[in-house]
C-alpha atoms as a PDB file:
ATOM      1  CA  MET A   1      -2.994  13.332   3.592  1.00  0.00           C
ATOM      2  CA  ALA A   2      -2.808   9.748   3.165  1.00  0.00           C
ATOM      3  CA  ALA A   3      -0.882   8.448   0.197  1.00  0.00           C
ATOM      4  CA  VAL A   4      -2.779   6.983  -2.604  1.00  0.00           C
ATOM      5  CA  SER A   5      -2.329   3.325  -3.089  1.00  0.00           C
ATOM      6  CA  PRO A   6      -1.576   2.217  -6.780  1.00  0.00           C
ATOM      7  CA  SER A   7      -4.593   0.678  -8.490  1.00  0.00           C
ATOM      8  CA  PRO A   8      -6.071   0.118 -11.897  1.00  0.00           C
ATOM      9  CA  GLU A   9      -8.927   2.303 -11.052  1.00  0.00           C
ATOM     10  CA  ARG A  10      -6.494   5.138 -10.161  1.00  0.00           C
ATOM     11  CA  GLY A  11      -4.621   4.494 -13.400  1.00  0.00           C
ATOM     12  CA  LYS A  12      -7.852   4.793 -15.515  1.00  0.00           C
ATOM     13  CA  GLU A  13      -8.736   8.055 -13.750  1.00  0.00           C
ATOM     14  CA  LEU A  14      -5.142   9.429 -14.505  1.00  0.00           C
ATOM     15  CA  PHE A  15      -5.328   8.119 -18.011  1.00  0.00           C
ATOM     16  CA  ASN A  16      -8.505  10.160 -18.722  1.00  0.00           C
ATOM     17  CA  SER A  17      -7.333  13.289 -16.891  1.00  0.00           C
ATOM     18  CA  THR A  18      -5.710  16.391 -18.294  1.00  0.00           C
ATOM     19  CA  ALA A  19      -3.774  16.943 -15.080  1.00  0.00           C
ATOM     20  CA  LEU A  20      -0.688  14.978 -16.242  1.00  0.00           C
ATOM     21  CA  GLY A  21       0.032  17.556 -18.827  1.00  0.00           C
ATOM     22  CA  THR A  22      -0.060  21.254 -19.715  1.00  0.00           C
ATOM     23  CA  ASN A  23      -1.597  21.189 -23.134  1.00  0.00           C
ATOM     24  CA  GLY A  24      -5.195  20.300 -22.080  1.00  0.00           C
ATOM     25  CA  LYS A  25      -4.826  16.613 -23.352  1.00  0.00           C
ATOM     26  CA  SER A  26      -4.916  13.205 -21.576  1.00  0.00           C
ATOM     27  CA  CYS A  27      -3.657   9.838 -22.516  1.00  0.00           C
ATOM     28  CA  ALA A  28      -7.131   9.187 -23.804  1.00  0.00           C
ATOM     29  CA  SER A  29      -6.743  12.043 -26.444  1.00  0.00           C
ATOM     30  CA  CYS A  30      -4.444   9.860 -28.327  1.00  0.00           C
ATOM     31  CA  HIS A  31      -5.720   6.515 -27.046  1.00  0.00           C
ATOM     32  CA  PRO A  32      -9.513   6.697 -26.750  1.00  0.00           C
ATOM     33  CA  GLY A  33     -10.553   3.716 -24.511  1.00  0.00           C
ATOM     34  CA  GLY A  34      -6.929   2.406 -24.560  1.00  0.00           C
ATOM     35  CA  SER A  35      -6.875   2.042 -28.354  1.00  0.00           C
ATOM     36  CA  GLY A  36      -3.580   1.026 -29.602  1.00  0.00           C
ATOM     37  CA  LEU A  37      -2.361  -0.112 -26.168  1.00  0.00           C
ATOM     38  CA  GLU A  38      -3.996  -3.512 -26.102  1.00  0.00           C
ATOM     39  CA  LYS A  39      -0.501  -5.234 -26.084  1.00  0.00           C
ATOM     40  CA  ALA A  40       1.156  -2.950 -23.578  1.00  0.00           C
ATOM     41  CA  ALA A  41       0.650  -5.613 -20.881  1.00  0.00           C
ATOM     42  CA  ALA A  42       3.289  -7.685 -22.699  1.00  0.00           C
ATOM     43  CA  SER A  43       6.018  -5.119 -21.996  1.00  0.00           C
ATOM     44  CA  ALA A  44       8.370  -5.301 -19.173  1.00  0.00           C
ATOM     45  CA  PRO A  45       7.198  -3.029 -16.282  1.00  0.00           C
ATOM     46  CA  LYS A  46      10.261  -0.919 -16.372  1.00  0.00           C
ATOM     47  CA  LYS A  47      10.044  -0.414 -20.088  1.00  0.00           C
ATOM     48  CA  LEU A  48       6.396   0.338 -19.862  1.00  0.00           C
ATOM     49  CA  GLU A  49       7.028   3.066 -17.187  1.00  0.00           C
ATOM     50  CA  LYS A  50       9.650   4.634 -19.469  1.00  0.00           C
ATOM     51  CA  VAL A  51       7.078   4.704 -22.404  1.00  0.00           C
ATOM     52  CA  VAL A  52       4.473   6.123 -20.201  1.00  0.00           C
ATOM     53  CA  ASN A  53       6.714   8.928 -19.108  1.00  0.00           C
ATOM     54  CA  GLN A  54       7.819   9.650 -22.584  1.00  0.00           C
ATOM     55  CA  CYS A  55       4.153  10.135 -23.629  1.00  0.00           C
ATOM     56  CA  ILE A  56       3.587  12.383 -20.560  1.00  0.00           C
ATOM     57  CA  VAL A  57       6.606  14.622 -21.446  1.00  0.00           C
ATOM     58  CA  LYS A  58       6.321  14.583 -25.248  1.00  0.00           C
ATOM     59  CA  ALA A  59       2.656  14.285 -25.977  1.00  0.00           C
ATOM     60  CA  LEU A  60       1.127  15.831 -22.979  1.00  0.00           C
ATOM     61  CA  LYS A  61       3.880  18.441 -22.304  1.00  0.00           C
ATOM     62  CA  GLY A  62       4.091  17.267 -18.605  1.00  0.00           C
ATOM     63  CA  LYS A  63       6.628  16.274 -16.092  1.00  0.00           C
ATOM     64  CA  ALA A  64       7.649  12.637 -15.933  1.00  0.00           C
ATOM     65  CA  LEU A  65       6.297  10.749 -13.006  1.00  0.00           C
ATOM     66  CA  PRO A  66       9.007   9.616 -10.509  1.00  0.00           C
ATOM     67  CA  ALA A  67       9.931   5.765 -10.801  1.00  0.00           C
ATOM     68  CA  GLY A  68       8.201   3.869  -8.222  1.00  0.00           C
ATOM     69  CA  SER A  69       5.465   6.628  -7.668  1.00  0.00           C
ATOM     70  CA  PRO A  70       1.949   5.385  -6.942  1.00  0.00           C
ATOM     71  CA  ASP A  71       0.672   7.294  -9.948  1.00  0.00           C
ATOM     72  CA  LEU A  72       3.118   5.688 -12.302  1.00  0.00           C
ATOM     73  CA  ALA A  73       2.356   2.277 -10.879  1.00  0.00           C
ATOM     74  CA  SER A  74      -1.386   2.855 -11.194  1.00  0.00           C
ATOM     75  CA  LEU A  75      -1.007   3.904 -14.921  1.00  0.00           C
ATOM     76  CA  VAL A  76       0.962   0.837 -15.648  1.00  0.00           C
ATOM     77  CA  SER A  77      -1.547  -1.295 -13.712  1.00  0.00           C
ATOM     78  CA  TYR A  78      -4.358   0.193 -15.731  1.00  0.00           C
ATOM     79  CA  LEU A  79      -2.699  -0.358 -19.092  1.00  0.00           C
ATOM     80  CA  LYS A  80      -2.218  -4.151 -17.991  1.00  0.00           C
ATOM     81  CA  THR A  81      -5.997  -4.319 -17.685  1.00  0.00           C
ATOM     82  CA  LEU A  82      -6.503  -3.494 -21.334  1.00  0.00           C
ATOM     83  CA  SER A  83      -5.508  -6.854 -22.483  1.00  0.00           C
ATOM     84  CA  PRO A  84      -4.396  -9.409 -19.970  1.00  0.00           C
ATOM     85  CA  ALA A  85      -0.847 -10.769 -20.676  1.00  0.00           C
ATOM     86  CA  LYS A  86      -0.323 -14.565 -20.944  1.00  0.00           C
ATOM     87  CA  THR A  87       1.556 -15.687 -17.912  1.00  0.00           C
ATOM     88  CA  LYS A  88       3.685 -18.723 -17.391  1.00  0.00           C
END
């Protein structure tokens, strides 16, 4: 099976999926349509990865995604689409 390339589309799919946890919830359960995450793009990527994994473990009762994994990169990529960060 071919590896999945990171993409915002894959991130949105994961964001809305209950597969990341064990309690039947998704990221969208607490953040419908990305609500409350509009400024997430301003976070440093590694910090954002840490926060995403904290939510997966604590709120969704799932296992943290490995650093550098396509799924974690996809989730971060999707969060960055919610509100474009100002770049220099």
